[in-house]
Amino acid sequence: MKEFMLIFIGGNGNQAGLSPEQMQAQMAKWYTWIDNLRNKEIFVDGRPLEPSGKTVKGKQPVVTDGPFAESKELVGGYFIIKANSIEEASAIAKESPGLEIGGVVQVRECRKM
């Protein structure tokens, strides 16, 4: 099997206007999904990311604040999963609870090094 990274963009419960109860229900969906992937032995790793950070860019690197939590294109976290093909990984990504609240999942194959 190959490894794929699922990159979760947007789908922030606060931005979607979810109540605390709705956000708790949304998190329960994430935990259930992760448990299902673990039970199938295809979940390798995954973590949410803090909403703030720094951006480093340029030939003579400059460090600036950002990304910012209010951005709808903020990367919120990632999973590494096992799948036979990018099509199979994409089918798994379709199960992401974040899609229900406007999130996006980018599916990328991890190169072997």
C-alpha atoms as a PDB file:
ATOM      1  CA  MET A   1       0.000   0.000   0.000  1.00  0.00           C
ATOM      2  CA  LYS A   2       1.036   3.571  -0.598  1.00  0.00           C
ATOM      3  CA  GLU A   3       0.785   6.426   1.874  1.00  0.00           C
ATOM      4  CA  PHE A   4      -1.282   9.529   1.212  1.00  0.00           C
ATOM      5  CA  MET A   5      -1.627  12.793   3.082  1.00  0.00           C
ATOM      6  CA  LEU A   6      -5.093  14.219   3.525  1.00  0.00           C
ATOM      7  CA  ILE A   7      -4.731  17.964   4.087  1.00  0.00           C
ATOM      8  CA  PHE A   8      -7.781  19.544   5.713  1.00  0.00           C
ATOM      9  CA  ILE A   9      -8.467  23.118   4.623  1.00  0.00           C
ATOM     10  CA  GLY A  10     -11.190  25.308   6.094  1.00  0.00           C
ATOM     11  CA  GLY A  11     -14.219  23.685   7.656  1.00  0.00           C
ATOM     12  CA  ASN A  12     -13.726  25.618  10.877  1.00  0.00           C
ATOM     13  CA  GLY A  13     -16.711  25.186  13.202  1.00  0.00           C
ATOM     14  CA  ASN A  14     -16.417  28.754  14.476  1.00  0.00           C
ATOM     15  CA  GLN A  15     -16.482  30.173  10.950  1.00  0.00           C
ATOM     16  CA  ALA A  16     -19.407  27.917  10.060  1.00  0.00           C
ATOM     17  CA  GLY A  17     -21.387  29.448  12.927  1.00  0.00           C
ATOM     18  CA  LEU A  18     -21.803  26.202  14.838  1.00  0.00           C
ATOM     19  CA  SER A  19     -23.091  26.305  18.396  1.00  0.00           C
ATOM     20  CA  PRO A  20     -20.941  24.689  21.101  1.00  0.00           C
ATOM     21  CA  GLU A  21     -23.235  21.640  20.995  1.00  0.00           C
ATOM     22  CA  GLN A  22     -22.928  21.392  17.199  1.00  0.00           C
ATOM     23  CA  MET A  23     -19.130  21.731  17.447  1.00  0.00           C
ATOM     24  CA  GLN A  24     -19.067  18.917  20.014  1.00  0.00           C
ATOM     25  CA  ALA A  25     -21.174  16.730  17.692  1.00  0.00           C
ATOM     26  CA  GLN A  26     -18.820  17.587  14.809  1.00  0.00           C
ATOM     27  CA  MET A  27     -15.785  16.537  16.876  1.00  0.00           C
ATOM     28  CA  ALA A  28     -17.528  13.262  17.747  1.00  0.00           C
ATOM     29  CA  LYS A  29     -17.855  12.579  13.998  1.00  0.00           C
ATOM     30  CA  TRP A  30     -14.107  13.148  13.585  1.00  0.00           C
ATOM     31  CA  TYR A  31     -13.271  10.738  16.429  1.00  0.00           C
ATOM     32  CA  THR A  32     -15.617   8.111  14.990  1.00  0.00           C
ATOM     33  CA  TRP A  33     -14.024   8.485  11.541  1.00  0.00           C
ATOM     34  CA  ILE A  34     -10.510   8.178  12.980  1.00  0.00           C
ATOM     35  CA  ASP A  35     -11.532   5.082  14.960  1.00  0.00           C
ATOM     36  CA  ASN A  36     -12.964   3.515  11.790  1.00  0.00           C
ATOM     37  CA  LEU A  37      -9.737   4.213   9.867  1.00  0.00           C
ATOM     38  CA  ARG A  38      -7.683   2.741  12.722  1.00  0.00           C
ATOM     39  CA  ASN A  39      -9.876  -0.360  12.830  1.00  0.00           C
ATOM     40  CA  LYS A  40      -9.241  -0.835   9.081  1.00  0.00           C
ATOM     41  CA  GLU A  41      -5.507  -0.374   9.814  1.00  0.00           C
ATOM     42  CA  ILE A  42      -5.145   2.420   7.263  1.00  0.00           C
ATOM     43  CA  PHE A  43      -4.656   5.369   9.654  1.00  0.00           C
ATOM     44  CA  VAL A  44      -0.937   6.104  10.060  1.00  0.00           C
ATOM     45  CA  ASP A  45      -0.903   9.495  11.782  1.00  0.00           C
ATOM     46  CA  GLY A  46      -2.761  12.756  11.939  1.00  0.00           C
ATOM     47  CA  ARG A  47      -3.029  15.902  13.969  1.00  0.00           C
ATOM     48  CA  PRO A  48      -4.872  19.179  14.078  1.00  0.00           C
ATOM     49  CA  LEU A  49      -2.744  22.293  13.675  1.00  0.00           C
ATOM     50  CA  GLU A  50      -2.821  25.444  15.766  1.00  0.00           C
ATOM     51  CA  PRO A  51      -4.616  28.231  13.897  1.00  0.00           C
ATOM     52  CA  SER A  52      -1.734  30.713  14.095  1.00  0.00           C
ATOM     53  CA  GLY A  53       1.840  30.472  12.946  1.00  0.00           C
ATOM     54  CA  LYS A  54       4.538  32.132  10.878  1.00  0.00           C
ATOM     55  CA  THR A  55       5.223  32.231   7.160  1.00  0.00           C
ATOM     56  CA  VAL A  56       8.801  32.114   5.872  1.00  0.00           C
ATOM     57  CA  LYS A  57       9.458  33.082   2.239  1.00  0.00           C
ATOM     58  CA  GLY A  58      11.953  34.604  -0.154  1.00  0.00           C
ATOM     59  CA  LYS A  59      15.536  33.987  -1.248  1.00  0.00           C
ATOM     60  CA  GLN A  60      16.646  35.967   1.761  1.00  0.00           C
ATOM     61  CA  PRO A  61      14.011  34.547   4.084  1.00  0.00           C
ATOM     62  CA  VAL A  62      11.576  36.928   5.705  1.00  0.00           C
ATOM     63  CA  VAL A  63       9.369  35.720   8.550  1.00  0.00           C
ATOM     64  CA  THR A  64       5.887  37.202   8.847  1.00  0.00           C
ATOM     65  CA  ASP A  65       2.829  36.486  10.946  1.00  0.00           C
ATOM     66  CA  GLY A  66       0.261  34.179   9.443  1.00  0.00           C
ATOM     67  CA  PRO A  67      -1.601  32.234   8.379  1.00  0.00           C
ATOM     68  CA  PHE A  68      -4.529  33.750  10.193  1.00  0.00           C
ATOM     69  CA  ALA A  69      -7.347  31.835  11.843  1.00  0.00           C
ATOM     70  CA  GLU A  70     -10.024  33.841  10.011  1.00  0.00           C
ATOM     71  CA  SER A  71      -8.786  32.604   6.631  1.00  0.00           C
ATOM     72  CA  LYS A  72     -11.157  30.164   4.924  1.00  0.00           C
ATOM     73  CA  GLU A  73      -8.111  28.519   3.309  1.00  0.00           C
ATOM     74  CA  LEU A  74      -6.334  27.812   6.579  1.00  0.00           C
ATOM     75  CA  VAL A  75      -4.823  24.318   6.797  1.00  0.00           C
ATOM     76  CA  GLY A  76      -6.395  22.921   9.949  1.00  0.00           C
ATOM     77  CA  GLY A  77      -4.695  19.547  10.109  1.00  0.00           C
ATOM     78  CA  TYR A  78      -3.661  16.412   8.277  1.00  0.00           C
ATOM     79  CA  PHE A  79      -3.887  12.630   8.230  1.00  0.00           C
ATOM     80  CA  ILE A  80      -1.468  10.138   6.742  1.00  0.00           C
ATOM     81  CA  ILE A  81      -3.411   7.106   5.516  1.00  0.00           C
ATOM     82  CA  LYS A  82      -2.653   3.935   3.588  1.00  0.00           C
ATOM     83  CA  ALA A  83      -4.418   3.234   0.290  1.00  0.00           C
ATOM     84  CA  ASN A  84      -3.732   1.354  -2.923  1.00  0.00           C
ATOM     85  CA  SER A  85      -4.310   4.353  -5.202  1.00  0.00           C
ATOM     86  CA  ILE A  86      -5.079   8.045  -5.194  1.00  0.00           C
ATOM     87  CA  GLU A  87      -8.644   7.140  -6.203  1.00  0.00           C
ATOM     88  CA  GLU A  88      -9.010   4.963  -3.100  1.00  0.00           C
ATOM     89  CA  ALA A  89      -7.485   7.702  -0.910  1.00  0.00           C
ATOM     90  CA  SER A  90      -9.877  10.234  -2.455  1.00  0.00           C
ATOM     91  CA  ALA A  91     -12.835   7.965  -1.658  1.00  0.00           C
ATOM     92  CA  ILE A  92     -11.648   7.861   1.958  1.00  0.00           C
ATOM     93  CA  ALA A  93     -11.313  11.662   1.968  1.00  0.00           C
ATOM     94  CA  LYS A  94     -14.969  11.955   0.899  1.00  0.00           C
ATOM     95  CA  GLU A  95     -15.877  10.678   4.387  1.00  0.00           C
ATOM     96  CA  SER A  96     -14.306  13.729   6.077  1.00  0.00           C
ATOM     97  CA  PRO A  97     -16.723  15.357   8.537  1.00  0.00           C
ATOM     98  CA  GLY A  98     -15.228  18.749   7.640  1.00  0.00           C
ATOM     99  CA  LEU A  99     -16.845  18.605   4.197  1.00  0.00           C
ATOM    100  CA  GLU A 100     -20.256  19.014   5.861  1.00  0.00           C
ATOM    101  CA  ILE A 101     -19.315  22.499   7.042  1.00  0.00           C
ATOM    102  CA  GLY A 102     -17.535  23.810   3.959  1.00  0.00           C
ATOM    103  CA  GLY A 103     -14.118  22.238   4.371  1.00  0.00           C
ATOM    104  CA  VAL A 104     -11.859  20.980   1.597  1.00  0.00           C
ATOM    105  CA  VAL A 105      -9.585  17.939   1.615  1.00  0.00           C
ATOM    106  CA  GLN A 106      -6.502  17.875  -0.572  1.00  0.00           C
ATOM    107  CA  VAL A 107      -5.225  14.340  -1.276  1.00  0.00           C
ATOM    108  CA  ARG A 108      -1.509  13.945  -2.006  1.00  0.00           C
ATOM    109  CA  GLU A 109       0.623  10.828  -2.372  1.00  0.00           C
ATOM    110  CA  CYS A 110       3.654  10.741  -0.074  1.00  0.00           C
ATOM    111  CA  ARG A 111       6.863  10.028  -1.940  1.00  0.00           C
ATOM    112  CA  LYS A 112       9.174   7.383  -0.576  1.00  0.00           C
ATOM    113  CA  MET A 113      12.561   8.727   0.376  1.00  0.00           C
END
